Amino acid sequence: MADAVPQAKLSGGLTGSTCEGGLTTISWLFTLNNQDVHLQMSAAVEPGDVDKLVTLPSGIGPSGAGQTLFLLKSDKDVRIRLNGLVDLVWNIAGGAPFIIPGTPEVTQVEFTNLGSELTKVFITKILDVEALPVPPGAPIPPGVGFYTNFESIGPAATAQTAFTLSSIPIDPTRLIVIVDGVWYSVLNGFASVAGSALTWIPGATGGFAFVGGERVEVLY
């Protein structure tokens, strides 16, 4: 059957509520086309929870789609770590929206309770081929801006180690290699960067040689 609703208004999708109760409104209105993927979920972070893992769907959406907006909002202070990376750790004030206006795509969030009460968290994630505007007045966490490029450099050939980036990274040490959805950091020795040349290092701790056909993407 043909799609009866070619467009949908995202109005209140960023206000949200969890199974434990409602959260403070974030006012926003935007038209989502039917090719957009819009995911929402809630989580409860108990007192004493440390690095409680919540995994988000990834690799979905129209061809060429990427994350165009990620929003997280909690009712109490909470610490988050995104994608298991030490560079993506923040303490979030209760009631304050946390927004990433594009990539890196968030595939997992770890929560640490910073108080002695239950914390309620509401998450929205949107994937599309076109960027979305950030809700007016919404704060963007410091540090997210150092990721400005997300590109596919695969599939890998058998035993391939040399790849070419489309741009020269501003800070090569921040570069992340994503192999079939798993993140590997230059800082951890899995790869090296010189100019626009990326070298994968199979002999790194936990490193491996490509067998061929792996989906290889980079974030820098």
Protein backbone atom coordinates (compact mmCIF):
# COMPACT_ATOMS: atom_id res chain seq x y z
CA MET A 1 0.00 0.00 0.00
CA ALA A 2 1.27 3.47 -0.83
CA ASP A 3 2.50 5.64 2.02
CA ALA A 4 -0.60 7.52 3.16
CA VAL A 5 1.38 10.06 5.22
CA PRO A 6 4.34 11.33 3.16
CA GLN A 7 5.35 13.83 5.85
CA ALA A 8 5.12 14.01 9.62
CA LYS A 9 5.53 16.94 11.97
CA LEU A 10 8.08 16.50 14.71
CA SER A 11 6.23 18.60 17.26
CA GLY A 12 6.69 17.62 20.86
CA GLY A 13 8.87 14.69 19.82
CA LEU A 14 11.55 16.44 21.80
CA THR A 15 9.31 17.06 24.78
CA GLY A 16 8.90 13.43 25.64
CA SER A 17 7.98 11.44 28.70
CA THR A 18 9.29 8.26 30.23
CA CYS A 19 7.43 5.38 31.80
CA GLU A 20 8.33 6.97 35.15
CA GLY A 21 6.86 10.37 34.34
CA GLY A 22 7.06 13.46 32.14
CA LEU A 23 10.04 15.67 31.38
CA THR A 24 10.26 19.43 30.88
CA THR A 25 9.26 20.58 27.37
CA ILE A 26 11.77 21.47 24.66
CA SER A 27 9.80 23.50 22.13
CA TRP A 28 10.54 22.57 18.50
CA LEU A 29 8.68 22.04 15.27
CA PHE A 30 10.08 20.48 12.13
CA THR A 31 8.72 18.55 9.15
CA LEU A 32 10.15 15.06 8.76
CA ASN A 33 9.86 13.49 5.34
CA ASN A 34 8.87 9.85 5.11
CA GLN A 35 12.45 8.75 4.44
CA ASP A 36 13.60 9.97 7.86
CA VAL A 37 14.16 7.52 10.68
CA HIS A 38 13.03 8.82 14.04
CA LEU A 39 13.84 6.76 17.14
CA GLN A 40 12.72 7.49 20.69
CA MET A 41 13.24 5.65 23.94
CA SER A 42 13.44 6.18 27.68
CA ALA A 43 15.74 4.81 30.35
CA ALA A 44 15.74 4.70 34.13
CA VAL A 45 19.06 5.14 35.94
CA GLU A 46 18.90 3.79 39.46
CA PRO A 47 20.89 5.19 42.40
CA GLY A 48 24.24 3.45 42.37
CA ASP A 49 24.15 2.66 38.65
CA VAL A 50 27.61 3.04 37.07
CA ASP A 51 28.10 2.86 33.30
CA LYS A 52 24.64 1.36 32.74
CA LEU A 53 24.66 0.50 29.04
CA VAL A 54 21.83 1.35 26.65
CA THR A 55 22.35 0.32 23.01
CA LEU A 56 20.67 2.25 20.17
CA PRO A 57 19.83 0.87 16.70
CA SER A 58 22.33 1.77 13.98
CA GLY A 59 22.89 1.18 10.29
CA ILE A 60 19.28 1.98 9.42
CA GLY A 61 17.56 4.57 7.27
CA PRO A 62 17.67 5.51 3.60
CA SER A 63 20.78 4.92 1.50
CA GLY A 64 23.51 7.34 2.51
CA ALA A 65 21.73 8.34 5.70
CA GLY A 66 23.59 9.47 8.78
CA GLN A 67 22.65 10.77 12.18
CA THR A 68 21.27 14.29 11.78
CA LEU A 69 20.27 14.88 15.39
CA PHE A 70 20.75 13.21 18.76
CA LEU A 71 19.02 14.56 21.85
CA LEU A 72 19.19 13.38 25.42
CA LYS A 73 17.34 14.90 28.35
CA SER A 74 17.22 13.77 31.98
CA ASP A 75 15.23 15.02 34.95
CA LYS A 76 18.24 14.87 37.30
CA ASP A 77 22.01 15.21 36.98
CA VAL A 78 23.60 12.25 35.23
CA ARG A 79 26.95 11.33 33.67
CA ILE A 80 26.94 9.95 30.14
CA ARG A 81 29.57 8.27 28.00
CA LEU A 82 28.82 7.87 24.30
CA ASN A 83 30.05 4.96 22.18
CA GLY A 84 32.43 3.88 24.95
CA LEU A 85 34.82 6.77 24.22
CA VAL A 86 36.62 8.75 26.93
CA ASP A 87 36.47 11.81 24.64
CA LEU A 88 32.67 11.67 24.74
CA VAL A 89 31.97 11.90 28.48
CA TRP A 90 29.82 14.67 29.99
CA ASN A 91 28.00 15.44 33.22
CA ILE A 92 24.49 16.57 32.22
CA ALA A 93 22.44 18.87 34.43
CA GLY A 94 18.93 17.74 35.17
CA GLY A 95 16.39 19.37 32.85
CA ALA A 96 19.04 20.65 30.39
CA PRO A 97 18.93 19.24 26.84
CA PHE A 98 22.07 17.61 25.46
CA ILE A 99 22.18 17.87 21.66
CA ILE A 100 24.53 16.64 18.93
CA PRO A 101 23.40 18.28 15.67
CA GLY A 102 24.95 15.65 13.38
CA THR A 103 27.60 12.97 13.67
CA PRO A 104 29.14 11.12 15.42
CA GLU A 105 26.27 8.68 15.33
CA VAL A 106 25.46 7.53 18.84
CA THR A 107 25.07 3.77 19.02
CA GLN A 108 25.45 3.31 22.76
CA VAL A 109 25.07 5.41 25.89
CA GLU A 110 26.38 4.54 29.34
CA PHE A 111 24.74 6.24 32.32
CA THR A 112 26.19 6.88 35.78
CA ASN A 113 23.82 8.19 38.45
CA LEU A 114 25.26 11.29 40.16
CA GLY A 115 22.73 11.43 43.00
CA SER A 116 20.70 9.29 45.36
CA GLU A 117 17.43 9.30 43.41
CA LEU A 118 16.07 7.58 40.33
CA THR A 119 16.98 9.50 37.15
CA LYS A 120 14.62 9.47 34.15
CA VAL A 121 16.16 9.93 30.69
CA PHE A 122 14.48 10.50 27.34
CA ILE A 123 16.37 10.01 24.04
CA THR A 124 15.56 11.04 20.46
CA LYS A 125 17.70 10.06 17.47
CA ILE A 126 17.04 11.01 13.84
CA LEU A 127 18.81 9.68 10.74
CA ASP A 128 18.47 11.14 7.26
CA VAL A 129 20.48 12.20 4.22
CA GLU A 130 19.98 15.92 4.96
CA ALA A 131 20.97 17.89 8.04
CA LEU A 132 18.34 19.07 10.50
CA PRO A 133 18.33 22.45 12.23
CA VAL A 134 19.12 22.50 15.92
CA PRO A 135 16.21 23.55 18.15
CA PRO A 136 16.48 27.33 18.79
CA GLY A 137 18.51 28.21 21.84
CA ALA A 138 19.54 24.64 22.54
CA PRO A 139 23.06 24.24 23.99
CA ILE A 140 25.50 22.02 22.12
CA PRO A 141 28.01 20.22 24.36
CA PRO A 142 31.60 21.48 24.07
CA GLY A 143 33.89 19.09 22.30
CA VAL A 144 31.38 17.62 19.85
CA GLY A 145 32.52 20.09 17.21
CA PHE A 146 35.91 18.46 16.72
CA TYR A 147 34.18 15.80 14.60
CA THR A 148 33.40 17.48 11.30
CA ASN A 149 33.90 14.68 8.76
CA PHE A 150 32.20 11.30 8.46
CA GLU A 151 32.96 9.27 5.36
CA SER A 152 33.05 5.75 4.00
CA ILE A 153 36.46 4.53 2.83
CA GLY A 154 35.50 0.89 2.32
CA PRO A 155 34.76 -1.81 1.59
CA ALA A 156 38.21 -3.03 2.53
CA ALA A 157 40.31 -5.21 0.27
CA THR A 158 41.99 -8.32 1.62
CA ALA A 159 44.92 -7.33 3.93
CA GLN A 160 44.46 -3.65 2.97
CA THR A 161 46.32 -1.21 5.22
CA ALA A 162 46.47 2.04 3.17
CA PHE A 163 43.43 4.32 2.83
CA THR A 164 42.99 7.91 1.60
CA LEU A 165 40.83 10.49 3.36
CA SER A 166 38.95 13.16 1.44
CA SER A 167 40.31 15.87 3.76
CA ILE A 168 43.28 16.35 6.07
CA PRO A 169 42.13 15.99 9.69
CA ILE A 170 42.51 19.10 11.83
CA ASP A 171 43.53 16.86 14.74
CA PRO A 172 44.64 13.40 13.53
CA THR A 173 44.73 12.04 17.08
CA ARG A 174 40.93 12.36 17.28
CA LEU A 175 40.30 10.14 14.25
CA ILE A 176 38.10 7.09 14.72
CA VAL A 177 38.05 4.11 12.34
CA ILE A 178 34.70 2.31 12.29
CA VAL A 179 34.87 -1.29 11.02
CA ASP A 180 31.48 -2.95 10.56
CA GLY A 181 30.10 -0.60 13.21
CA VAL A 182 32.88 -1.15 15.79
CA TRP A 183 34.96 1.90 16.76
CA TYR A 184 38.80 1.87 16.80
CA SER A 185 40.83 4.91 17.87
CA VAL A 186 44.07 6.31 16.51
CA LEU A 187 44.88 7.18 20.12
CA ASN A 188 44.80 3.46 20.94
CA GLY A 189 47.21 2.59 18.14
CA PHE A 190 44.86 0.87 15.70
CA ALA A 191 45.77 3.30 12.91
CA SER A 192 48.01 6.25 12.09
CA VAL A 193 47.41 9.37 10.03
CA ALA A 194 49.85 11.46 7.96
CA GLY A 195 48.15 14.21 5.98
CA SER A 196 45.27 12.53 4.18
CA ALA A 197 46.89 9.08 4.33
CA LEU A 198 45.40 6.65 6.83
CA THR A 199 47.31 3.49 7.70
CA TRP A 200 45.57 0.61 9.45
CA ILE A 201 47.92 -1.24 11.83
CA PRO A 202 47.05 -4.95 12.04
CA GLY A 203 49.69 -5.60 14.70
CA ALA A 204 48.16 -3.22 17.23
CA THR A 205 46.89 -4.63 20.51
CA GLY A 206 43.68 -6.34 19.53
CA GLY A 207 44.26 -5.30 15.93
CA PHE A 208 43.51 -7.56 13.00
CA ALA A 209 44.04 -7.85 9.26
CA PHE A 210 41.13 -7.17 6.93
CA VAL A 211 39.79 -10.30 5.26
CA GLY A 212 38.07 -8.22 2.59
CA GLY A 213 34.61 -6.75 2.30
CA GLU A 214 34.48 -5.05 5.71
CA ARG A 215 32.51 -1.78 5.90
CA VAL A 216 35.10 0.87 6.81
CA GLU A 217 34.14 4.39 7.83
CA VAL A 218 36.06 7.20 9.50
CA LEU A 219 35.10 10.02 11.81
CA TYR A 220 37.43 12.99 12.29
